[in-house]
C-alpha atoms as a PDB file:
ATOM      1  CA  UNK A   1     -10.544  19.406  -1.283  1.00  0.00           C
ATOM      2  CA  UNK A   2     -13.861  20.115  -0.512  1.00  0.00           C
ATOM      3  CA  UNK A   3     -15.541  20.354   2.896  1.00  0.00           C
ATOM      4  CA  UNK A   4     -17.305  17.022   4.075  1.00  0.00           C
ATOM      5  CA  UNK A   5     -20.170  16.705   6.808  1.00  0.00           C
ATOM      6  CA  UNK A   6     -18.642  15.488   9.730  1.00  0.00           C
ATOM      7  CA  UNK A   7     -21.522  12.728   9.245  1.00  0.00           C
ATOM      8  CA  UNK A   8     -19.942  11.746   6.043  1.00  0.00           C
ATOM      9  CA  UNK A   9     -17.663   8.582   5.315  1.00  0.00           C
ATOM     10  CA  UNK A  10     -14.072   9.818   5.889  1.00  0.00           C
ATOM     11  CA  UNK A  11     -13.368  11.229   2.271  1.00  0.00           C
ATOM     12  CA  UNK A  12     -12.166   8.426  -0.094  1.00  0.00           C
ATOM     13  CA  UNK A  13      -9.103  10.144  -2.188  1.00  0.00           C
ATOM     14  CA  UNK A  14      -5.116   9.909  -2.262  1.00  0.00           C
ATOM     15  CA  UNK A  15      -3.399  12.857  -0.813  1.00  0.00           C
ATOM     16  CA  UNK A  16      -0.772  14.479  -2.826  1.00  0.00           C
ATOM     17  CA  UNK A  17       3.023  13.443  -1.959  1.00  0.00           C
ATOM     18  CA  UNK A  18       4.068  17.314  -3.106  1.00  0.00           C
ATOM     19  CA  UNK A  19       1.361  19.019  -0.182  1.00  0.00           C
ATOM     20  CA  UNK A  20       2.415  20.444   2.778  1.00  0.00           C
ATOM     21  CA  UNK A  21       3.869  18.008   5.540  1.00  0.00           C
ATOM     22  CA  UNK A  22       2.392  19.872   8.183  1.00  0.00           C
ATOM     23  CA  UNK A  23      -1.640  20.961   8.343  1.00  0.00           C
ATOM     24  CA  UNK A  24      -3.145  24.011  10.751  1.00  0.00           C
ATOM     25  CA  UNK A  25      -4.053  21.264  13.464  1.00  0.00           C
ATOM     26  CA  UNK A  26      -1.625  20.856  16.295  1.00  0.00           C
ATOM     27  CA  UNK A  27      -2.256  17.256  16.646  1.00  0.00           C
ATOM     28  CA  UNK A  28       1.795  16.038  15.912  1.00  0.00           C
ATOM     29  CA  UNK A  29       4.477  17.923  17.543  1.00  0.00           C
ATOM     30  CA  UNK A  30       5.388  21.036  16.456  1.00  0.00           C
ATOM     31  CA  UNK A  31       8.260  19.438  14.547  1.00  0.00           C
ATOM     32  CA  UNK A  32       5.847  16.916  12.343  1.00  0.00           C
ATOM     33  CA  UNK A  33       8.434  15.071  10.787  1.00  0.00           C
ATOM     34  CA  UNK A  34      11.911  13.715  11.937  1.00  0.00           C
ATOM     35  CA  UNK A  35      14.641  12.114   9.898  1.00  0.00           C
ATOM     36  CA  UNK A  36      13.938   9.562   7.651  1.00  0.00           C
ATOM     37  CA  UNK A  37      10.600  10.572   6.902  1.00  0.00           C
ATOM     38  CA  UNK A  38       9.109   9.313  10.034  1.00  0.00           C
ATOM     39  CA  UNK A  39       6.287  11.401  11.286  1.00  0.00           C
ATOM     40  CA  UNK A  40       5.829  12.425  14.628  1.00  0.00           C
ATOM     41  CA  UNK A  41       1.675  11.241  15.606  1.00  0.00           C
ATOM     42  CA  UNK A  42       0.164  11.881  19.242  1.00  0.00           C
ATOM     43  CA  UNK A  43      -1.779   9.422  20.728  1.00  0.00           C
ATOM     44  CA  UNK A  44      -5.415  10.250  19.047  1.00  0.00           C
ATOM     45  CA  UNK A  45      -3.657  10.271  15.732  1.00  0.00           C
ATOM     46  CA  UNK A  46      -2.268   6.810  16.285  1.00  0.00           C
ATOM     47  CA  UNK A  47      -5.698   5.765  17.464  1.00  0.00           C
ATOM     48  CA  UNK A  48      -6.961   7.262  14.195  1.00  0.00           C
ATOM     49  CA  UNK A  49      -4.279   5.144  11.701  1.00  0.00           C
ATOM     50  CA  UNK A  50      -5.140   1.779  13.620  1.00  0.00           C
ATOM     51  CA  UNK A  51      -8.979   2.299  13.525  1.00  0.00           C
ATOM     52  CA  UNK A  52      -8.878   3.095   9.874  1.00  0.00           C
ATOM     53  CA  UNK A  53      -7.068   0.297   9.162  1.00  0.00           C
ATOM     54  CA  UNK A  54      -9.228  -2.362  10.889  1.00  0.00           C
ATOM     55  CA  UNK A  55     -12.294  -0.160   9.118  1.00  0.00           C
ATOM     56  CA  UNK A  56     -11.381   2.476   6.212  1.00  0.00           C
ATOM     57  CA  UNK A  57     -15.194   2.850   5.971  1.00  0.00           C
ATOM     58  CA  UNK A  58     -16.223   3.956   9.374  1.00  0.00           C
ATOM     59  CA  UNK A  59     -18.090   7.255   9.533  1.00  0.00           C
ATOM     60  CA  UNK A  60     -16.350  10.196  10.523  1.00  0.00           C
ATOM     61  CA  UNK A  61     -18.836   9.848  13.534  1.00  0.00           C
ATOM     62  CA  UNK A  62     -18.010   6.596  14.669  1.00  0.00           C
ATOM     63  CA  UNK A  63     -14.199   7.494  14.184  1.00  0.00           C
ATOM     64  CA  UNK A  64     -14.418  10.270  16.634  1.00  0.00           C
ATOM     65  CA  UNK A  65     -16.151   8.008  19.384  1.00  0.00           C
ATOM     66  CA  UNK A  66     -14.070   5.482  18.864  1.00  0.00           C
ATOM     67  CA  UNK A  67     -10.887   7.998  19.239  1.00  0.00           C
ATOM     68  CA  UNK A  68     -12.954   9.954  22.397  1.00  0.00           C
ATOM     69  CA  UNK A  69     -13.005  13.804  20.613  1.00  0.00           C
ATOM     70  CA  UNK A  70     -15.624  15.163  18.283  1.00  0.00           C
ATOM     71  CA  UNK A  71     -16.133  15.120  14.809  1.00  0.00           C
ATOM     72  CA  UNK A  72     -14.978  18.213  13.291  1.00  0.00           C
ATOM     73  CA  UNK A  73     -11.273  17.855  14.524  1.00  0.00           C
ATOM     74  CA  UNK A  74     -11.248  14.041  14.151  1.00  0.00           C
ATOM     75  CA  UNK A  75     -11.846  14.810  10.383  1.00  0.00           C
ATOM     76  CA  UNK A  76      -9.174  17.702  10.195  1.00  0.00           C
ATOM     77  CA  UNK A  77      -6.563  14.919  11.899  1.00  0.00           C
ATOM     78  CA  UNK A  78      -7.829  12.531   9.175  1.00  0.00           C
ATOM     79  CA  UNK A  79      -7.260  14.772   6.698  1.00  0.00           C
ATOM     80  CA  UNK A  80      -3.782  15.990   8.022  1.00  0.00           C
ATOM     81  CA  UNK A  81      -2.676  12.133   8.172  1.00  0.00           C
ATOM     82  CA  UNK A  82      -3.713  12.260   4.473  1.00  0.00           C
ATOM     83  CA  UNK A  83      -2.259  15.288   3.532  1.00  0.00           C
ATOM     84  CA  UNK A  84       1.620  14.310   5.087  1.00  0.00           C
ATOM     85  CA  UNK A  85       1.459  10.873   3.683  1.00  0.00           C
ATOM     86  CA  UNK A  86       0.627   8.699   6.540  1.00  0.00           C
ATOM     87  CA  UNK A  87      -2.759   7.408   4.681  1.00  0.00           C
ATOM     88  CA  UNK A  88      -2.298   6.707   1.862  1.00  0.00           C
ATOM     89  CA  UNK A  89      -5.454   5.425   0.379  1.00  0.00           C
ATOM     90  CA  UNK A  90      -8.371   3.482   1.391  1.00  0.00           C
ATOM     91  CA  UNK A  91      -8.858   0.322  -0.709  1.00  0.00           C
ATOM     92  CA  UNK A  92     -11.506  -2.457  -0.545  1.00  0.00           C
ATOM     93  CA  UNK A  93     -10.150  -6.721   0.534  1.00  0.00           C
ATOM     94  CA  UNK A  94     -11.748  -8.575  -2.505  1.00  0.00           C
ATOM     95  CA  UNK A  95     -11.565 -12.300  -2.505  1.00  0.00           C
ATOM     96  CA  UNK A  96      -9.283 -12.837  -5.770  1.00  0.00           C
ATOM     97  CA  UNK A  97     -10.729 -15.944  -6.294  1.00  0.00           C
ATOM     98  CA  UNK A  98     -14.416 -14.936  -6.207  1.00  0.00           C
ATOM     99  CA  UNK A  99     -12.745 -12.955  -9.483  1.00  0.00           C
ATOM    100  CA  UNK A 100     -11.421 -15.755 -10.898  1.00  0.00           C
ATOM    101  CA  UNK A 101      -7.898 -15.183  -9.487  1.00  0.00           C
ATOM    102  CA  UNK A 102      -7.278 -18.712  -8.342  1.00  0.00           C
ATOM    103  CA  UNK A 103      -3.602 -18.536  -8.358  1.00  0.00           C
ATOM    104  CA  UNK A 104      -1.283 -16.692  -6.139  1.00  0.00           C
ATOM    105  CA  UNK A 105       2.670 -16.919  -6.599  1.00  0.00           C
ATOM    106  CA  UNK A 106       5.798 -15.301  -6.326  1.00  0.00           C
ATOM    107  CA  UNK A 107       8.569 -14.851  -8.392  1.00  0.00           C
ATOM    108  CA  UNK A 108      11.885 -14.643  -7.771  1.00  0.00           C
ATOM    109  CA  UNK A 109      13.938 -12.375 -10.396  1.00  0.00           C
ATOM    110  CA  UNK A 110      17.779 -12.242 -10.720  1.00  0.00           C
ATOM    111  CA  UNK A 111      18.917  -9.094 -13.492  1.00  0.00           C
ATOM    112  CA  UNK A 112      22.055  -9.586 -15.364  1.00  0.00           C
ATOM    113  CA  UNK A 113      23.136  -5.945 -13.858  1.00  0.00           C
ATOM    114  CA  UNK A 114      22.551  -3.887 -10.836  1.00  0.00           C
ATOM    115  CA  UNK A 115      22.364  -0.817 -12.847  1.00  0.00           C
ATOM    116  CA  UNK A 116      19.952   1.983 -11.685  1.00  0.00           C
ATOM    117  CA  UNK A 117      18.525   1.840 -15.569  1.00  0.00           C
ATOM    118  CA  UNK A 118      18.130  -1.709 -15.447  1.00  0.00           C
ATOM    119  CA  UNK A 119      16.330  -1.999 -12.099  1.00  0.00           C
ATOM    120  CA  UNK A 120      14.150   0.765 -12.962  1.00  0.00           C
ATOM    121  CA  UNK A 121      13.453  -0.772 -17.029  1.00  0.00           C
ATOM    122  CA  UNK A 122      12.290  -3.444 -14.828  1.00  0.00           C
ATOM    123  CA  UNK A 123      10.252  -1.905 -12.081  1.00  0.00           C
ATOM    124  CA  UNK A 124       8.412  -0.003 -15.129  1.00  0.00           C
ATOM    125  CA  UNK A 125       7.752  -2.946 -16.966  1.00  0.00           C
ATOM    126  CA  UNK A 126       6.253  -5.356 -14.442  1.00  0.00           C
ATOM    127  CA  UNK A 127       4.412  -1.871 -13.461  1.00  0.00           C
ATOM    128  CA  UNK A 128       1.932  -2.174 -16.534  1.00  0.00           C
ATOM    129  CA  UNK A 129       0.830  -5.387 -15.741  1.00  0.00           C
ATOM    130  CA  UNK A 130      -2.411  -6.498 -14.147  1.00  0.00           C
ATOM    131  CA  UNK A 131      -1.139  -9.350 -12.632  1.00  0.00           C
ATOM    132  CA  UNK A 132       1.404  -8.125 -11.119  1.00  0.00           C
ATOM    133  CA  UNK A 133       0.049  -7.006  -7.248  1.00  0.00           C
ATOM    134  CA  UNK A 134       3.594  -6.219  -5.410  1.00  0.00           C
ATOM    135  CA  UNK A 135       6.827  -5.700  -6.740  1.00  0.00           C
ATOM    136  CA  UNK A 136       9.477  -5.487  -4.098  1.00  0.00           C
ATOM    137  CA  UNK A 137      13.735  -5.267  -4.734  1.00  0.00           C
ATOM    138  CA  UNK A 138      15.771  -7.017  -2.372  1.00  0.00           C
ATOM    139  CA  UNK A 139      18.896  -8.051  -1.018  1.00  0.00           C
ATOM    140  CA  UNK A 140      19.862 -11.439  -1.269  1.00  0.00           C
ATOM    141  CA  UNK A 141      18.900 -14.147  -3.161  1.00  0.00           C
ATOM    142  CA  UNK A 142      17.612 -12.200  -6.099  1.00  0.00           C
ATOM    143  CA  UNK A 143      17.033  -8.264  -7.121  1.00  0.00           C
ATOM    144  CA  UNK A 144      13.090  -8.736  -6.893  1.00  0.00           C
ATOM    145  CA  UNK A 145      10.001 -10.001  -5.018  1.00  0.00           C
ATOM    146  CA  UNK A 146       7.243 -10.126  -7.263  1.00  0.00           C
ATOM    147  CA  UNK A 147       3.679 -10.929  -6.361  1.00  0.00           C
ATOM    148  CA  UNK A 148       1.489 -12.031  -8.947  1.00  0.00           C
ATOM    149  CA  UNK A 149      -2.310 -13.553  -9.044  1.00  0.00           C
ATOM    150  CA  UNK A 150      -3.238 -16.158 -12.137  1.00  0.00           C
ATOM    151  CA  UNK A 151      -6.621 -17.300 -13.163  1.00  0.00           C
ATOM    152  CA  UNK A 152      -4.710 -20.807 -13.844  1.00  0.00           C
ATOM    153  CA  UNK A 153      -1.694 -23.122 -14.412  1.00  0.00           C
ATOM    154  CA  UNK A 154      -1.869 -22.052 -18.172  1.00  0.00           C
ATOM    155  CA  UNK A 155      -2.146 -18.695 -17.030  1.00  0.00           C
ATOM    156  CA  UNK A 156       0.820 -18.697 -14.175  1.00  0.00           C
ATOM    157  CA  UNK A 157       3.195 -20.152 -17.121  1.00  0.00           C
ATOM    158  CA  UNK A 158       2.589 -17.359 -19.543  1.00  0.00           C
ATOM    159  CA  UNK A 159       3.260 -14.847 -16.824  1.00  0.00           C
ATOM    160  CA  UNK A 160       6.502 -16.809 -16.097  1.00  0.00           C
ATOM    161  CA  UNK A 161       7.562 -17.097 -19.595  1.00  0.00           C
ATOM    162  CA  UNK A 162       6.489 -13.087 -20.078  1.00  0.00           C
ATOM    163  CA  UNK A 163       8.750 -12.371 -17.043  1.00  0.00           C
ATOM    164  CA  UNK A 164      11.479 -14.816 -18.029  1.00  0.00           C
ATOM    165  CA  UNK A 165      11.280 -13.051 -21.788  1.00  0.00           C
ATOM    166  CA  UNK A 166      12.074  -9.537 -20.230  1.00  0.00           C
ATOM    167  CA  UNK A 167      15.462  -7.497 -21.439  1.00  0.00           C
ATOM    168  CA  UNK A 168      18.019  -8.155 -18.552  1.00  0.00           C
ATOM    169  CA  UNK A 169      16.396 -11.109 -16.780  1.00  0.00           C
ATOM    170  CA  UNK A 170      18.352 -14.375 -16.083  1.00  0.00           C
ATOM    171  CA  UNK A 171      16.712 -16.059 -13.394  1.00  0.00           C
ATOM    172  CA  UNK A 172      13.263 -16.805 -12.514  1.00  0.00           C
ATOM    173  CA  UNK A 173      12.346 -18.620 -10.059  1.00  0.00           C
ATOM    174  CA  UNK A 174       8.414 -19.346  -9.127  1.00  0.00           C
ATOM    175  CA  UNK A 175       7.445 -20.233  -5.514  1.00  0.00           C
ATOM    176  CA  UNK A 176       3.363 -20.720  -5.737  1.00  0.00           C
ATOM    177  CA  UNK A 177       1.158 -20.076  -2.762  1.00  0.00           C
ATOM    178  CA  UNK A 178      -0.713 -23.500  -1.190  1.00  0.00           C
ATOM    179  CA  UNK A 179      -2.319 -21.626   1.410  1.00  0.00           C
ATOM    180  CA  UNK A 180      -2.125 -17.952   2.974  1.00  0.00           C
ATOM    181  CA  UNK A 181      -2.753 -18.246   6.552  1.00  0.00           C
ATOM    182  CA  UNK A 182      -2.449 -14.639   7.297  1.00  0.00           C
ATOM    183  CA  UNK A 183      -2.458 -11.604   4.667  1.00  0.00           C
ATOM    184  CA  UNK A 184      -2.246  -8.502   7.433  1.00  0.00           C
ATOM    185  CA  UNK A 185      -2.864  -5.148   6.061  1.00  0.00           C
ATOM    186  CA  UNK A 186      -1.512  -2.028   7.370  1.00  0.00           C
ATOM    187  CA  UNK A 187       1.353  -1.713   9.935  1.00  0.00           C
ATOM    188  CA  UNK A 188       1.616  -1.706  13.996  1.00  0.00           C
ATOM    189  CA  UNK A 189       0.534   1.813  15.198  1.00  0.00           C
END
């Protein structure tokens, strides 16, 4: 990782999951992590995460100002949060319809078996589809809930048929989004 001037934007990279979970910063508790992969963060780290969830493009200087610390330790804290996997990346929030993706729909998928190899094969297959934006293994009512985007109704029908034709798929129920009233990124901190 290269050093950045504190006036630069926060570095936009994806930290490796294999990195050490604790950086040299003393911003977290000495344990670093608790059971279940939950990371102990102090109030400044929580504020940094909250601010970056609101605006991932703000400069390090602005982030430091908002959190009440100077720029160099702020940048160290951000890097540490990236290294331990709290911050997984930075993304643009785009208007899908402006790019020709006029439909969003969900597909509830039922598989013929819940064997690990069957579940993993389904996940691997849909991971390669550009139209698949989310894939969640679920409990109750199906095996997977998949969110997809489509250019139009014909494209949605094509994608639905493609899902239906996958190995081990026995049921596909689609739910078309009429309106999205809330699509909140991030999580409460």
